[in-house]
Amino acid sequence: MPTDDLPETFHVTTDEQLRAVSNLTRHRIMAVLRFEPATITQIAERVGLAKGSSSYHVRLLERAGLVKVVRTRKVRGVTERYYAMAARSIALPDPGEGGPDVLMRHAVADLEASPAGERHVRMAHLRLTGEQFAELGTRLQALADEYRELSDPSLPDASLVFALFHPTSREPAEGESK
């Protein structure tokens, strides 16, 4: 299915949509559908679920508007549905101060489940001006967009996650040194 006609971004705005994307299993189903449509059976095999569970989670995603049926075909008298993402990317609302960041939680879960030796993880603590902070954010986004355009659905999946943020300052607990 060509993705040229897909909207660029789906903005999650309702509680139903937020609940749908907040589940790790549904996050992994959306990852399967990121580059090409798939049937319930194909999704179940790729995610490691029973077909019934896969069907349940896809129905919730479809009801929330995050995935849609893009084609059907008859196979031995049964209609087989192919599902795809409703947009190229999903934008979540800001979780608010102290709230869980769903995308980062899912990313960490996927990272922890990935094979050792097949990942690049780095953390850097920086001190930047406001201008440098904004420039780095723009450059990271451009790099991610550049490589997304180069993505080939026939190749194995790879995930890129980045977070550029100002950590909250905290007072040292009693007994901690400053």
Protein backbone atom coordinates (compact mmCIF):
# COMPACT_ATOMS: atom_id res chain seq x y z
CA MET A 1 0.00 0.00 0.00
CA PRO A 2 1.51 3.33 -0.95
CA THR A 3 1.83 5.69 1.98
CA ASP A 4 1.71 8.82 -0.19
CA ASP A 5 -1.96 9.36 0.66
CA LEU A 6 -1.54 8.96 4.42
CA PRO A 7 -1.78 12.01 6.64
CA GLU A 8 1.60 12.92 8.12
CA THR A 9 0.47 12.93 11.75
CA PHE A 10 -2.40 11.57 13.78
CA HIS A 11 -2.92 13.69 16.91
CA VAL A 12 -4.12 11.71 19.90
CA THR A 13 -6.80 13.85 21.53
CA THR A 14 -9.30 11.55 23.29
CA ASP A 15 -9.02 9.32 26.33
CA GLU A 16 -9.95 6.31 24.17
CA GLN A 17 -7.07 7.04 21.80
CA LEU A 18 -4.65 7.60 24.69
CA ARG A 19 -5.67 4.29 26.31
CA ALA A 20 -5.19 2.56 22.96
CA VAL A 21 -1.60 3.79 22.48
CA SER A 22 -0.68 3.41 26.15
CA ASN A 23 -0.67 -0.38 25.92
CA LEU A 24 2.69 -2.00 25.07
CA THR A 25 1.11 -4.79 23.01
CA ARG A 26 -0.79 -2.27 20.88
CA HIS A 27 2.38 -0.19 20.54
CA ARG A 28 4.10 -3.29 19.12
CA ILE A 29 1.18 -3.96 16.77
CA MET A 30 1.46 -0.41 15.44
CA ALA A 31 5.18 -1.01 14.89
CA VAL A 32 4.30 -4.03 12.73
CA LEU A 33 1.93 -1.87 10.67
CA ARG A 34 4.36 1.06 10.37
CA PHE A 35 5.70 0.10 6.93
CA GLU A 36 3.22 -2.31 5.42
CA PRO A 37 -0.30 -3.63 5.91
CA ALA A 38 -0.80 -6.95 7.66
CA THR A 39 -3.58 -9.38 8.51
CA ILE A 40 -4.52 -10.43 12.03
CA THR A 41 -2.63 -13.70 11.46
CA GLN A 42 0.51 -11.89 10.29
CA ILE A 43 0.31 -9.45 13.21
CA ALA A 44 -0.14 -12.30 15.69
CA GLU A 45 2.92 -14.10 14.31
CA ARG A 46 5.13 -10.99 14.35
CA VAL A 47 4.13 -9.88 17.85
CA GLY A 48 3.94 -13.39 19.33
CA LEU A 49 0.25 -13.31 20.26
CA ALA A 50 -2.68 -15.66 19.82
CA LYS A 51 -4.89 -14.63 16.89
CA GLY A 52 -7.77 -13.84 19.27
CA SER A 53 -5.62 -11.48 21.34
CA SER A 54 -4.23 -9.88 18.22
CA SER A 55 -7.74 -9.35 16.87
CA TYR A 56 -8.89 -7.79 20.15
CA HIS A 57 -6.02 -5.28 20.24
CA VAL A 58 -6.39 -4.39 16.53
CA ARG A 59 -10.13 -3.75 17.04
CA LEU A 60 -9.33 -1.32 19.87
CA LEU A 61 -6.78 0.47 17.68
CA GLU A 62 -9.26 0.60 14.81
CA ARG A 63 -12.06 1.93 17.03
CA ALA A 64 -9.68 4.67 18.25
CA GLY A 65 -8.90 5.61 14.62
CA LEU A 66 -5.20 4.69 14.82
CA VAL A 67 -5.33 1.85 12.29
CA LYS A 68 -7.69 1.12 9.43
CA VAL A 69 -8.58 -1.62 6.97
CA VAL A 70 -6.84 -0.84 3.68
CA ARG A 71 -7.86 -3.89 1.65
CA THR A 72 -9.72 -7.16 1.89
CA ARG A 73 -9.61 -10.46 0.05
CA LYS A 74 -11.53 -13.73 0.18
CA VAL A 75 -9.58 -16.77 1.37
CA ARG A 76 -11.54 -20.05 1.46
CA GLY A 77 -14.80 -18.17 1.95
CA VAL A 78 -13.46 -15.95 4.75
CA THR A 79 -12.80 -12.25 4.30
CA GLU A 80 -9.22 -11.44 5.22
CA ARG A 81 -8.61 -7.83 6.25
CA TYR A 82 -5.31 -6.00 5.87
CA TYR A 83 -4.71 -3.29 8.45
CA ALA A 84 -2.36 -0.29 8.21
CA MET A 85 -1.57 2.78 10.26
CA ALA A 86 -3.96 5.70 9.82
CA ALA A 87 -1.04 8.18 9.58
CA ARG A 88 2.75 8.15 9.18
CA SER A 89 3.29 9.20 12.80
CA ILE A 90 1.34 9.66 16.01
CA ALA A 91 1.59 12.75 18.20
CA LEU A 92 0.74 12.29 21.86
CA PRO A 93 -0.30 15.07 24.19
CA ASP A 94 2.32 16.28 26.64
CA PRO A 95 2.00 14.06 29.71
CA GLY A 96 2.28 17.03 32.02
CA GLU A 97 4.59 17.50 34.94
CA GLY A 98 5.28 14.22 36.71
CA GLY A 99 3.11 12.23 34.30
CA PRO A 100 4.36 9.08 32.59
CA ASP A 101 5.78 9.50 29.10
CA VAL A 102 4.14 6.60 27.26
CA LEU A 103 6.50 6.63 24.29
CA MET A 104 9.61 6.52 26.45
CA ARG A 105 8.19 3.70 28.57
CA HIS A 106 7.44 1.68 25.43
CA ALA A 107 10.87 2.48 24.00
CA VAL A 108 12.61 1.29 27.17
CA ALA A 109 10.53 -1.92 27.16
CA ASP A 110 11.45 -2.55 23.51
CA LEU A 111 15.11 -1.75 24.22
CA GLU A 112 15.21 -4.17 27.14
CA ALA A 113 13.68 -6.89 24.96
CA SER A 114 16.11 -6.32 22.08
CA PRO A 115 19.05 -8.69 21.53
CA ALA A 116 22.25 -7.64 23.30
CA GLY A 117 24.92 -6.49 20.89
CA GLU A 118 22.35 -5.16 18.41
CA ARG A 119 21.81 -1.79 19.99
CA HIS A 120 23.56 1.52 20.43
CA VAL A 121 22.68 3.31 23.66
CA ARG A 122 24.34 6.50 24.80
CA MET A 123 23.52 9.19 27.29
CA ALA A 124 25.19 12.56 27.37
CA HIS A 125 24.76 15.34 29.89
CA LEU A 126 25.10 18.70 28.17
CA ARG A 127 25.08 22.34 29.12
CA LEU A 128 23.56 24.34 26.29
CA THR A 129 22.25 27.79 25.63
CA GLY A 130 18.59 28.05 24.69
CA GLU A 131 19.62 28.51 21.07
CA GLN A 132 21.89 25.45 21.11
CA PHE A 133 19.16 23.39 22.78
CA ALA A 134 16.65 24.33 20.05
CA GLU A 135 19.20 23.74 17.28
CA LEU A 136 20.08 20.27 18.60
CA GLY A 137 16.39 19.35 18.81
CA THR A 138 15.89 20.46 15.20
CA ARG A 139 18.97 18.54 14.02
CA LEU A 140 17.90 15.35 15.80
CA GLN A 141 14.43 15.57 14.26
CA ALA A 142 15.92 16.17 10.79
CA LEU A 143 18.24 13.18 11.19
CA ALA A 144 15.32 10.95 12.23
CA ASP A 145 13.25 12.22 9.27
CA GLU A 146 16.16 11.63 6.86
CA TYR A 147 16.56 8.01 7.90
CA ARG A 148 12.80 7.41 7.96
CA GLU A 149 12.74 8.41 4.29
CA LEU A 150 15.53 5.86 3.62
CA SER A 151 13.62 3.05 5.37
CA ASP A 152 13.11 -0.08 3.31
CA PRO A 153 10.22 -2.31 4.47
CA SER A 154 12.13 -5.40 3.31
CA LEU A 155 14.87 -4.79 5.90
CA PRO A 156 14.69 -5.67 9.60
CA ASP A 157 13.09 -3.13 11.93
CA ALA A 158 15.24 -0.66 13.82
CA SER A 159 13.98 1.89 16.33
CA LEU A 160 15.45 5.30 16.98
CA VAL A 161 14.45 7.03 20.20
CA PHE A 162 15.81 10.30 21.44
CA ALA A 163 14.87 12.61 24.23
CA LEU A 164 16.34 16.05 24.63
CA PHE A 165 15.11 17.68 27.80
CA HIS A 166 15.99 19.84 30.76
CA PRO A 167 15.88 17.61 33.85
CA THR A 168 14.11 19.02 36.83
CA SER A 169 16.44 20.15 39.53
CA ARG A 170 15.93 18.38 42.80
CA GLU A 171 17.09 19.11 46.28
CA PRO A 172 19.54 16.50 47.63
CA ALA A 173 17.94 14.12 50.12
CA GLU A 174 19.09 14.30 53.69
CA GLY A 175 22.48 12.61 53.95
CA GLU A 176 23.32 13.14 50.25
CA SER A 177 26.20 15.41 49.38
CA LYS A 178 25.57 18.42 47.18
